[in-house]
Every structure is written in C-alpha cells, then in structure tokens.
Amino acid sequence: MIPILARPLIERKRDGGRIGSGEWRQLMAAYAAGTVPDYQMAALAMAIFFRGLDREETGALTDAMLRSGATLDLDHLGTPRLDKHSTGGVGDKVSLVLAPLIASLGVAVPMMSGRGLGHTGGTLDKLESIPGFRTGLSLAEATRQLETLGCALIGQTGEIAPADRKLYALRDATGTVECIPLIAASIMSKKLAEGLTGLVLDVKFGSGAFLPEKERGLDLARTMIELGADHGCPVIALLTAMDRPLGRACGNAVEVEESIMALRGEGPPDLMRVTYALGAEMLLLAGVVKDRDEARRRMEVAISSGKAVEHFQRIIEAQGGDPRVVDDPGLLPEAPECEVFAAPRGGVVAEVKPRAVGHGIIALGGGRTKVDDVVDPAVGFVIMARPGDVVKAGEPLATIYARDEAGVAAGRAALAEAIVVADEAPPPLPLIANRITEAGVEDYLEG
C-alpha cells in the first residue's frame, strides 16, 4: 500500500472537507508507525478542533485508532465485563473506589485509565503513589489478573491503540483537548479495546470540566453512546457536577487515602453519591440486579462487610503494591511540610474553584506541565470547606501538603484564589444532573 500523504488531508479538513474511513485507517497506522510526524498530526488536530468531524468520520477515526494496536479478548471469562470512564475532574477518585467495589460483586472490571491531563488528576498517578504499584501490565498479565481477581487497574500499554497514545499526549501540548470528536474517539478507542460488554460514563460539566457548558457535555455523552452502539457496546452516561472538587482530598496519595476510607464506609457524602450512582448503572448493564435500589443495597453490604476494601487490597498486592497501605495509610508518601489555610474573613463559602485547585496541585509538583515531568505523589490539598458553608474569620478551610516552604507559599496562593468567601453563595450545580442513553436524556432522580 502506498503510504498516505498527510498534507492533503490536513488541507481538506482545514477547508471543511471530509476524510474517508480508508484514509483514516492508513493515516493512523502511519502515525503509530512514526511515518507521519507530530507536527503534521498537530496541524490536523487543530483543523478538526475548528472544523469538527461528523458521526461517520468520528466512528472511522475511533475504529482506526482501535485497529492500530491489539485488543483484549475476554469472552472466555464468562462474566459481564464493565468499565467506567470519567471525562476528568479535580478530586475525582471514583475509579479507585468503584473498580474494586464492582469487582467484589462478581463483575469483571478491566479498567484502563490515564494520567493527569491539564488541570485534572489522573488515576494512574494516584495508583502509583502506592509504593510498588505497577500500572504498566501487559495484556497477558491483565488477562491473568482478570481471571483470578476480576479486576485489573492498568494504563494504556504500547499494545493498545498506539495511535491514540501518541495523539493524546499531542492534544495536551497543542491546545486541542477540548474537542468533542477527539475526546470521544480517544476514550472509546481505548474502551472498545478492553472487550467490554458495557460502559458507564461520568461526563463532567461546570467550571472545572474540560467542557464546562452542560449542552456540550450532553453532546459528548451522545457522541460516545453512538460510538458504543456502532461497535456493539451499550453505553450509559451520567452528567455530574465539576463546579467544585469531588470529595475533600485533591492530590495523589491523599486521594488514595480518601479512597481507602470510602471503601471502609467513611467517604465524603458527595463522593459516595457519585460512586453509588455510577456503580448502580454498571450493575444494571451487567444484568446482575433488577433495579437501582438492589444495586445500592449490594454495594453498601460489600462496603460495610469489608468485602470491597479487601478486594482492593488483593488488587494492590497482585500489581506489586504494598497491601499494608489499606490498613495503614501512613505508609503512603507523606509531604514534609503541612500548613492550615484559614478563612480570610467571615461569611459564606461562595466558591471552591476546581481549576484553581488543580493548577495549585501542579504548582506544588503534583501534576505535569510537560509530558516527561516527574510527579510528587505526596503533595496536594485536603479541602474541608464546601460551597454554602458559613465560616468565621480564621476558621480552618483546608490543609496544604507541600515539599518545602516554596510549595507551601504556592499552595497558599492557589487556595486564596480557589476558595471565595463572600456575603452569600449562589446555589451549586446538581451533583448528578442527567442520565443519557440511546433513548435520550432524562433528569436524574435518586432512589
């Protein structure tokens, strides 16, 4: 086959034209092989950002990235195979709680996650704050672990969708992250490679989301649901709020500790509501419960009995991590410096801005500004203040965990921007706003 030339495709998309399915397959195979340079793919990504892709093009791009690598074949497991994906947030450690919880209930969870992107945290970075934990399992290793434990918490290996792996990093560096077709194709190419029988999406909206506007979040959910339907994988999405961090802990090791507490039944209420809502959809798609109420009861029993946290401990041990962290979170990395951040005045907490918190974690060293940056797992924040809280001047609102005094100063500046105390507070967004399926969009009603 004659190698495809990228330049004509860039020009065509720049001018509003379409790229055919065969052209996508050749282009992404060539990009994965290194014969299309990053600068040409960056130009194409920017053209897509401005011109968009229609449903057929988005599906063709997804399929091309999926076919650029290997896939998991898990039919022999004989059990439903479900995963959950979040479009990214601050303090969003739901995956760390949900994967072992659902796996403990007999559903296979091949969970492939990513690293921090922009101002948001990454599940892999959080897991790797557990001493010794390996996220770089091969497909063969992941398959064996799924056979024995029903869960593997892995990163995108070079075997899976290598074209997406390269494009994912390129988008973060070229300002093309917030593009619905590229987001949808990236997520779904990886998820379809897992051999799933169903997928649940946590699509964020609000000031801290990559797509803050609710309608754009709904558009993204619809796009991924369509891609799943076109590939025989049913997808359900919940639209959840990211106008404030989820839970209290924001960072890597501190979020692992909060996840362990959640699996023990001591998690913050907002974190548990989102976890239970997404878990119920997973159990319903798996066909192991008849309704949300039964799903909620089964999850609560798994947590209260210790079954869920024990499963997490087994997963940690299987992936080379120190299982003792479950009983003693003090074994997680600890920051040398710790300082309380107090309310500058009395009043009402009007905002806790997730983007400012996320950028603060990066300033502390807990995130990346470049792909090859080394992440400090110990730094971050624990933010007790919630929008609507009435506070007094000098009252503790958060704790800063930093490497040194300069980090403390950076954390103090970030929280001064993030936590707004005023005379009154606007109502926050509904924590879970909508449920989206192939049938359409409905208001989310709990219970």
Protein backbone atom coordinates (compact mmCIF):
# COMPACT_ATOMS: atom_id res chain seq x y z
CA MET A 1 0.00 0.00 0.00
CA ILE A 2 1.38 3.42 -0.90
CA PRO A 3 1.80 5.50 2.30
CA ILE A 4 -0.87 8.15 2.58
CA LEU A 5 0.23 11.77 2.43
CA ALA A 6 -0.94 13.73 5.47
CA ARG A 7 -0.77 17.19 3.90
CA PRO A 8 -3.75 16.79 1.50
CA LEU A 9 -5.90 15.52 4.40
CA ILE A 10 -4.86 18.48 6.57
CA GLU A 11 -5.76 20.89 3.77
CA ARG A 12 -9.06 19.14 3.09
CA LYS A 13 -10.13 19.23 6.73
CA ARG A 14 -8.89 22.81 7.09
CA ASP A 15 -11.21 23.77 4.24
CA GLY A 16 -14.21 21.91 5.71
CA GLY A 17 -13.98 18.66 3.76
CA ARG A 18 -14.34 15.06 4.92
CA ILE A 19 -11.78 12.30 5.46
CA GLY A 20 -12.86 8.79 4.41
CA SER A 21 -12.66 5.67 6.56
CA GLY A 22 -9.89 4.10 4.47
CA GLU A 23 -7.88 7.31 4.69
CA TRP A 24 -8.25 7.37 8.47
CA ARG A 25 -7.00 3.76 8.73
CA GLN A 26 -3.92 4.49 6.61
CA LEU A 27 -3.20 7.78 8.37
CA MET A 28 -3.43 6.43 11.92
CA ALA A 29 -1.43 3.31 11.08
CA ALA A 30 1.28 5.53 9.56
CA TYR A 31 1.20 7.84 12.60
CA ALA A 32 1.53 4.90 15.01
CA ALA A 33 4.46 3.62 12.91
CA GLY A 34 6.20 7.00 13.05
CA THR A 35 5.99 7.85 9.35
CA VAL A 36 3.65 10.80 9.95
CA PRO A 37 5.39 13.43 12.13
CA ASP A 38 3.85 15.04 15.18
CA TYR A 39 3.79 18.48 13.57
CA GLN A 40 1.50 17.27 10.78
CA MET A 41 -0.80 15.48 13.23
CA ALA A 42 -0.87 18.63 15.39
CA ALA A 43 -1.99 20.62 12.34
CA LEU A 44 -4.73 18.08 11.62
CA ALA A 45 -5.88 18.12 15.27
CA MET A 46 -6.22 21.90 15.12
CA ALA A 47 -8.16 21.67 11.84
CA ILE A 48 -10.51 19.14 13.48
CA PHE A 49 -10.82 21.43 16.51
CA PHE A 50 -12.20 24.20 14.30
CA ARG A 51 -13.99 22.19 11.60
CA GLY A 52 -15.22 19.17 13.55
CA LEU A 53 -15.99 15.62 12.41
CA ASP A 54 -19.39 14.16 11.52
CA ARG A 55 -20.64 10.90 13.06
CA GLU A 56 -19.21 8.71 10.29
CA GLU A 57 -15.80 10.40 10.47
CA THR A 58 -15.70 10.17 14.27
CA GLY A 59 -16.54 6.48 14.05
CA ALA A 60 -13.89 5.93 11.40
CA LEU A 61 -11.23 7.72 13.48
CA THR A 62 -12.21 5.66 16.55
CA ASP A 63 -12.02 2.44 14.57
CA ALA A 64 -8.68 3.42 13.02
CA MET A 65 -7.13 4.11 16.43
CA LEU A 66 -8.63 0.90 17.83
CA ARG A 67 -7.17 -1.13 14.94
CA SER A 68 -3.74 0.47 15.29
CA GLY A 69 -2.99 -1.97 18.13
CA ALA A 70 -4.08 -5.11 19.98
CA THR A 71 -7.29 -5.73 21.95
CA LEU A 72 -8.25 -7.76 25.00
CA ASP A 73 -10.16 -10.97 24.27
CA LEU A 74 -12.08 -11.77 27.44
CA ASP A 75 -15.00 -13.83 26.14
CA HIS A 76 -13.66 -16.88 27.97
CA LEU A 77 -14.30 -15.22 31.36
CA GLY A 78 -18.00 -15.98 31.06
CA THR A 79 -18.95 -12.93 33.12
CA PRO A 80 -20.12 -9.42 32.20
CA ARG A 81 -17.23 -7.01 31.59
CA LEU A 82 -17.90 -3.41 32.56
CA ASP A 83 -15.76 -0.31 32.86
CA LYS A 84 -16.35 3.28 33.88
CA HIS A 85 -14.72 6.39 32.49
CA SER A 86 -14.68 9.96 33.77
CA THR A 87 -14.02 12.88 31.42
CA GLY A 88 -11.79 14.38 34.12
CA GLY A 89 -12.09 16.45 37.24
CA VAL A 90 -10.38 17.63 40.41
CA GLY A 91 -10.59 15.36 43.43
CA ASP A 92 -12.26 12.71 41.25
CA LYS A 93 -11.06 9.47 42.76
CA VAL A 94 -14.24 7.49 41.95
CA SER A 95 -12.38 4.91 39.83
CA LEU A 96 -10.23 3.87 42.80
CA VAL A 97 -13.36 3.13 44.82
CA LEU A 98 -15.62 1.81 42.09
CA ALA A 99 -13.35 -0.76 40.41
CA PRO A 100 -12.70 -2.96 43.47
CA LEU A 101 -16.27 -2.42 44.70
CA ILE A 102 -17.90 -3.70 41.49
CA ALA A 103 -15.33 -6.47 41.03
CA SER A 104 -16.10 -7.70 44.55
CA LEU A 105 -19.69 -8.22 43.37
CA GLY A 106 -18.74 -10.65 40.59
CA VAL A 107 -18.48 -8.30 37.60
CA ALA A 108 -15.19 -8.22 35.67
CA VAL A 109 -13.70 -4.70 35.57
CA PRO A 110 -10.84 -4.26 33.09
CA MET A 111 -10.20 -0.62 33.94
CA MET A 112 -7.80 1.23 31.69
CA SER A 113 -7.03 4.73 32.96
CA GLY A 114 -4.88 7.72 32.08
CA ARG A 115 -2.52 10.19 33.68
CA GLY A 116 -3.29 13.76 34.64
CA LEU A 117 -4.38 15.92 31.71
CA GLY A 118 -4.35 19.70 32.00
CA HIS A 119 -5.62 20.78 35.41
CA THR A 120 -7.22 17.39 36.17
CA GLY A 121 -5.74 14.46 38.05
CA GLY A 122 -5.02 11.01 36.63
CA THR A 123 -5.96 7.63 38.07
CA LEU A 124 -2.58 6.12 37.14
CA ASP A 125 -0.67 8.82 39.02
CA LYS A 126 -2.83 8.20 42.07
CA LEU A 127 -2.37 4.43 41.98
CA GLU A 128 1.39 4.79 41.52
CA SER A 129 1.59 6.74 44.77
CA ILE A 130 1.07 3.32 46.42
CA PRO A 131 4.63 2.02 46.97
CA GLY A 132 5.50 -0.57 44.31
CA PHE A 133 2.16 -0.43 42.45
CA ARG A 134 2.54 -1.36 38.75
CA THR A 135 0.07 0.06 36.25
CA GLY A 136 2.11 -0.98 33.19
CA LEU A 137 0.76 -4.53 32.92
CA SER A 138 0.92 -6.27 29.55
CA LEU A 139 -2.33 -7.53 28.04
CA ALA A 140 -1.35 -11.08 29.02
CA GLU A 141 -0.74 -10.03 32.64
CA ALA A 142 -4.01 -8.07 32.75
CA THR A 143 -5.91 -11.06 31.38
CA ARG A 144 -4.46 -13.41 34.02
CA GLN A 145 -5.37 -10.96 36.78
CA LEU A 146 -8.90 -10.59 35.46
CA GLU A 147 -9.21 -14.38 35.52
CA THR A 148 -8.23 -14.55 39.20
CA LEU A 149 -9.45 -11.25 40.70
CA GLY A 150 -11.96 -9.94 38.17
CA CYS A 151 -10.18 -6.57 38.05
CA ALA A 152 -7.03 -5.03 36.61
CA LEU A 153 -6.14 -1.34 37.00
CA ILE A 154 -3.87 -0.60 34.07
CA GLY A 155 -2.50 2.12 31.85
CA GLN A 156 -2.64 2.27 28.09
CA THR A 157 0.20 -0.01 27.05
CA GLY A 158 2.02 0.27 23.75
CA GLU A 159 -0.10 -2.68 22.62
CA ILE A 160 -3.44 -0.85 22.84
CA ALA A 161 -4.42 1.94 20.43
CA PRO A 162 -0.85 3.24 19.99
CA ALA A 163 -2.08 5.93 17.60
CA ASP A 164 -4.33 7.31 20.33
CA ARG A 165 -1.50 7.12 22.87
CA LYS A 166 0.57 9.48 20.71
CA LEU A 167 -2.33 11.75 19.82
CA TYR A 168 -3.48 12.00 23.45
CA ALA A 169 -0.15 13.49 24.52
CA LEU A 170 -0.06 15.75 21.46
CA ARG A 171 -3.50 17.21 22.16
CA ASP A 172 -2.46 18.23 25.68
CA ALA A 173 0.57 20.06 24.27
CA THR A 174 -1.23 21.79 21.38
CA GLY A 175 -4.39 23.20 22.97
CA THR A 176 -6.75 20.74 21.27
CA VAL A 177 -8.02 18.84 24.32
CA GLU A 178 -11.49 20.45 24.40
CA CYS A 179 -12.73 18.96 21.10
CA ILE A 180 -15.72 16.62 21.30
CA PRO A 181 -14.85 14.30 18.34
CA LEU A 182 -11.24 13.94 19.52
CA ILE A 183 -12.26 13.36 23.15
CA ALA A 184 -14.88 10.79 22.15
CA ALA A 185 -12.63 8.91 19.72
CA SER A 186 -9.77 8.82 22.22
CA ILE A 187 -11.90 7.47 25.06
CA MET A 188 -13.86 4.97 23.00
CA SER A 189 -10.87 3.55 21.08
CA LYS A 190 -9.31 2.54 24.42
CA LYS A 191 -12.52 1.30 26.00
CA LEU A 192 -13.55 -0.77 22.97
CA ALA A 193 -10.08 -2.37 23.06
CA GLU A 194 -10.93 -3.78 26.51
CA GLY A 195 -13.50 -6.21 25.09
CA LEU A 196 -16.31 -4.74 27.22
CA THR A 197 -19.94 -5.84 27.34
CA GLY A 198 -20.92 -2.37 28.64
CA LEU A 199 -19.53 1.02 29.60
CA VAL A 200 -20.66 3.72 32.03
CA LEU A 201 -19.50 7.31 31.54
CA ASP A 202 -19.15 10.07 34.10
CA VAL A 203 -19.34 13.22 31.95
CA LYS A 204 -18.39 16.32 33.91
CA PHE A 205 -19.85 19.79 33.44
CA GLY A 206 -19.30 23.06 35.26
CA SER A 207 -16.38 25.44 35.67
CA GLY A 208 -13.79 22.72 36.39
CA ALA A 209 -14.71 20.45 33.46
CA PHE A 210 -12.91 20.38 30.12
CA LEU A 211 -16.31 21.16 28.61
CA PRO A 212 -17.92 23.50 31.17
CA GLU A 213 -21.20 24.04 29.32
CA LYS A 214 -23.92 21.50 30.06
CA GLU A 215 -25.03 21.22 26.44
CA ARG A 216 -21.50 20.39 25.30
CA GLY A 217 -21.30 17.71 27.99
CA LEU A 218 -24.54 16.25 26.69
CA ASP A 219 -23.18 16.36 23.12
CA LEU A 220 -20.07 14.45 24.22
CA ALA A 221 -22.18 11.85 26.02
CA ARG A 222 -24.40 11.37 22.96
CA THR A 223 -21.35 11.01 20.71
CA MET A 224 -19.80 8.29 22.86
CA ILE A 225 -23.12 6.48 23.21
CA GLU A 226 -23.40 6.46 19.40
CA LEU A 227 -19.85 5.14 19.04
CA GLY A 228 -20.60 2.37 21.53
CA ALA A 229 -23.81 1.43 19.70
CA ASP A 230 -21.96 1.34 16.36
CA HIS A 231 -19.45 -1.13 17.88
CA GLY A 232 -21.94 -3.31 19.78
CA CYS A 233 -21.08 -1.96 23.25
CA PRO A 234 -24.02 -0.43 25.19
CA VAL A 235 -23.08 2.86 26.90
CA ILE A 236 -24.88 4.83 29.61
CA ALA A 237 -23.72 8.26 30.79
CA LEU A 238 -24.36 10.35 33.88
CA LEU A 239 -23.78 14.11 33.76
CA THR A 240 -22.18 15.15 37.06
CA ALA A 241 -21.02 18.46 38.50
CA MET A 242 -17.45 19.75 38.47
CA ASP A 243 -18.04 23.30 39.71
CA ARG A 244 -16.32 22.24 42.97
CA PRO A 245 -13.85 19.42 43.72
CA LEU A 246 -15.29 15.98 44.40
CA GLY A 247 -14.65 14.86 47.96
CA ARG A 248 -12.08 16.60 50.16
CA ALA A 249 -8.69 15.24 49.08
CA CYS A 250 -7.05 16.71 45.97
CA GLY A 251 -3.67 15.25 45.03
CA ASN A 252 -2.32 11.74 44.55
CA ALA A 253 -1.51 9.98 47.84
CA VAL A 254 -4.15 11.99 49.73
CA GLU A 255 -6.79 10.81 47.25
CA VAL A 256 -5.71 7.19 47.65
CA GLU A 257 -6.13 7.56 51.41
CA GLU A 258 -9.62 9.04 50.93
CA SER A 259 -10.49 6.18 48.55
CA ILE A 260 -9.49 3.62 51.18
CA MET A 261 -11.66 5.41 53.72
CA ALA A 262 -14.54 5.39 51.20
CA LEU A 263 -14.16 1.62 50.74
CA ARG A 264 -14.40 1.36 54.54
CA GLY A 265 -17.67 3.31 54.52
CA GLU A 266 -16.14 6.59 55.69
CA GLY A 267 -16.04 8.52 52.41
CA PRO A 268 -17.39 12.06 51.91
CA PRO A 269 -21.11 12.10 51.02
CA ASP A 270 -20.66 13.62 47.55
CA LEU A 271 -18.00 11.06 46.59
CA MET A 272 -20.22 8.19 47.76
CA ARG A 273 -23.29 9.52 45.92
CA VAL A 274 -21.45 9.64 42.60
CA THR A 275 -19.79 6.27 43.23
CA TYR A 276 -23.07 4.55 44.07
CA ALA A 277 -24.86 6.17 41.11
CA LEU A 278 -22.24 5.02 38.60
CA GLY A 279 -21.93 1.62 40.27
CA ALA A 280 -25.68 1.07 40.02
CA GLU A 281 -25.54 1.72 36.27
CA MET A 282 -22.66 -0.76 35.93
CA LEU A 283 -24.54 -3.47 37.82
CA LEU A 284 -27.70 -2.83 35.78
CA LEU A 285 -25.79 -3.04 32.48
CA ALA A 286 -24.18 -6.25 33.74
CA GLY A 287 -27.63 -7.68 34.36
CA VAL A 288 -26.87 -8.78 37.93
CA VAL A 289 -29.51 -6.59 39.63
CA LYS A 290 -33.07 -5.69 38.76
CA ASP A 291 -33.08 -2.03 39.81
CA ARG A 292 -31.05 0.77 41.40
CA ASP A 293 -32.31 0.03 44.89
CA GLU A 294 -30.99 -3.54 44.77
CA ALA A 295 -27.71 -2.27 43.32
CA ARG A 296 -27.32 0.27 46.12
CA ARG A 297 -28.02 -2.37 48.80
CA ARG A 298 -25.46 -4.78 47.36
CA MET A 299 -22.78 -2.09 47.18
CA GLU A 300 -23.48 -0.92 50.73
CA VAL A 301 -23.19 -4.50 52.03
CA ALA A 302 -19.91 -5.02 50.14
CA ILE A 303 -18.50 -1.93 51.84
CA SER A 304 -19.92 -2.48 55.33
CA SER A 305 -18.78 -6.12 55.39
CA GLY A 306 -15.21 -5.23 54.39
CA LYS A 307 -15.50 -7.23 51.16
CA ALA A 308 -14.81 -4.24 48.90
CA VAL A 309 -11.74 -2.92 50.72
CA GLU A 310 -10.31 -6.45 50.99
CA HIS A 311 -10.68 -6.79 47.23
CA PHE A 312 -8.75 -3.55 46.74
CA GLN A 313 -6.02 -4.93 48.99
CA ARG A 314 -5.77 -8.06 46.85
CA ILE A 315 -5.55 -5.98 43.66
CA ILE A 316 -2.79 -3.84 45.17
CA GLU A 317 -0.80 -6.92 46.13
CA ALA A 318 -1.31 -8.56 42.73
CA GLN A 319 0.04 -5.47 40.97
CA GLY A 320 3.17 -5.26 43.10
CA GLY A 321 1.95 -2.64 45.56
CA ASP A 322 2.28 -2.69 49.33
CA PRO A 323 -1.06 -4.09 50.56
CA ARG A 324 -0.38 -2.78 54.07
CA VAL A 325 -1.43 0.72 52.97
CA VAL A 326 -5.06 -0.39 53.25
CA ASP A 327 -4.66 -0.95 56.99
CA ASP A 328 -2.08 1.80 57.49
CA PRO A 329 -2.44 4.73 55.04
CA GLY A 330 0.54 6.29 56.84
CA LEU A 331 2.69 4.09 54.58
CA LEU A 332 1.70 6.27 51.62
CA PRO A 333 4.09 9.10 50.69
CA GLU A 334 3.86 12.00 53.14
CA ALA A 335 4.78 15.61 52.43
CA PRO A 336 7.41 17.17 54.74
CA GLU A 337 5.51 20.46 55.06
CA CYS A 338 1.93 20.89 56.24
CA GLU A 339 0.04 24.12 56.81
CA VAL A 340 -3.57 25.01 57.57
CA PHE A 341 -5.26 27.55 55.29
CA ALA A 342 -7.73 29.74 57.21
CA ALA A 343 -10.71 31.85 56.17
CA PRO A 344 -9.61 35.42 55.41
CA ARG A 345 -12.95 36.78 56.62
CA GLY A 346 -16.29 35.67 57.97
CA GLY A 347 -19.14 34.89 55.60
CA VAL A 348 -20.29 32.11 53.30
CA VAL A 349 -18.10 29.94 51.09
CA ALA A 350 -19.30 31.08 47.69
CA GLU A 351 -16.94 29.00 45.53
CA VAL A 352 -14.24 26.36 45.63
CA LYS A 353 -12.85 26.69 42.11
CA PRO A 354 -11.67 23.32 40.78
CA ARG A 355 -9.37 24.74 38.09
CA ALA A 356 -7.52 26.90 40.61
CA VAL A 357 -7.15 23.88 42.90
CA GLY A 358 -5.89 21.73 40.00
CA HIS A 359 -3.39 24.35 38.91
CA GLY A 360 -2.30 24.65 42.55
CA ILE A 361 -1.52 20.92 42.69
CA ILE A 362 0.62 21.32 39.56
CA ALA A 363 2.42 24.28 41.17
CA LEU A 364 3.17 22.07 44.20
CA GLY A 365 4.69 19.43 41.89
CA GLY A 366 1.75 17.03 41.98
CA GLY A 367 0.94 17.36 38.27
CA ARG A 368 2.63 17.99 34.94
CA THR A 369 3.28 20.93 32.67
CA LYS A 370 5.28 18.67 30.30
CA VAL A 371 4.76 15.00 29.41
CA ASP A 372 8.07 13.95 31.00
CA ASP A 373 7.61 15.86 34.29
CA VAL A 374 8.07 13.75 37.44
CA VAL A 375 5.05 13.89 39.75
CA ASP A 376 5.45 14.30 43.51
CA PRO A 377 2.85 11.88 44.93
CA ALA A 378 2.81 13.37 48.44
CA VAL A 379 1.71 16.95 47.75
CA GLY A 380 -1.82 18.30 47.50
CA PHE A 381 -4.71 19.70 49.48
CA VAL A 382 -7.43 18.45 51.78
CA ILE A 383 -10.24 20.98 51.49
CA MET A 384 -12.84 20.87 54.24
CA ALA A 385 -14.79 23.93 53.05
CA ARG A 386 -17.80 23.31 50.82
CA PRO A 387 -19.84 25.88 48.90
CA GLY A 388 -22.60 27.17 51.17
CA ASP A 389 -20.68 26.66 54.43
CA VAL A 390 -20.91 29.54 56.92
CA VAL A 391 -17.41 30.28 58.23
CA LYS A 392 -15.73 32.64 60.70
CA ALA A 393 -12.55 34.63 60.08
CA GLY A 394 -9.54 32.45 60.89
CA GLU A 395 -11.52 29.19 60.69
CA PRO A 396 -9.56 26.34 59.01
CA LEU A 397 -10.76 25.76 55.43
CA ALA A 398 -8.08 23.45 54.04
CA THR A 399 -4.71 21.85 54.65
CA ILE A 400 -1.72 22.28 52.33
CA TYR A 401 0.73 19.38 51.90
CA ALA A 402 3.97 20.55 50.27
CA ARG A 403 7.58 19.55 49.65
CA ASP A 404 9.08 22.77 51.03
CA GLU A 405 8.30 26.33 52.11
CA ALA A 406 8.12 27.49 48.49
CA GLY A 407 5.47 24.83 47.91
CA VAL A 408 3.51 25.99 50.94
CA ALA A 409 3.55 29.53 49.54
CA ALA A 410 2.37 28.28 46.14
CA GLY A 411 -0.40 26.28 47.81
CA ARG A 412 -1.47 29.27 49.88
CA ALA A 413 -1.71 31.43 46.74
CA ALA A 414 -3.73 28.76 44.91
CA LEU A 415 -6.23 28.36 47.74
CA ALA A 416 -6.57 32.15 48.11
CA GLU A 417 -7.76 32.17 44.51
CA ALA A 418 -9.82 28.97 44.72
CA ILE A 419 -11.79 29.45 47.94
CA VAL A 420 -14.03 32.52 47.75
CA VAL A 421 -15.72 33.72 50.97
CA ALA A 422 -18.50 36.24 50.37
CA ASP A 423 -21.70 37.54 51.91
CA GLU A 424 -23.80 34.95 50.10
CA ALA A 425 -23.33 31.91 47.88
CA PRO A 426 -25.02 31.01 44.59
CA PRO A 427 -26.63 27.55 44.52
CA PRO A 428 -24.20 24.85 43.33
CA LEU A 429 -24.92 22.72 40.28
CA PRO A 430 -26.86 19.50 40.94
CA LEU A 431 -24.29 16.83 41.76
CA ILE A 432 -25.90 14.38 39.30
CA ALA A 433 -27.97 16.21 36.70
CA ASN A 434 -28.89 13.83 33.89
CA ARG A 435 -28.87 10.23 32.70
CA ILE A 436 -28.21 9.76 28.99
CA THR A 437 -28.91 6.59 26.99
CA GLU A 438 -29.61 5.73 23.36
CA ALA A 439 -33.24 6.61 24.11
CA GLY A 440 -32.40 10.18 25.08
CA VAL A 441 -31.73 12.45 28.05
CA GLU A 442 -33.65 12.34 31.32
CA ASP A 443 -33.33 14.14 34.65
CA TYR A 444 -31.52 12.00 37.19
CA LEU A 445 -33.72 11.00 40.10
CA GLU A 446 -32.14 9.16 43.03
CA GLY A 447 -33.96 6.44 44.89
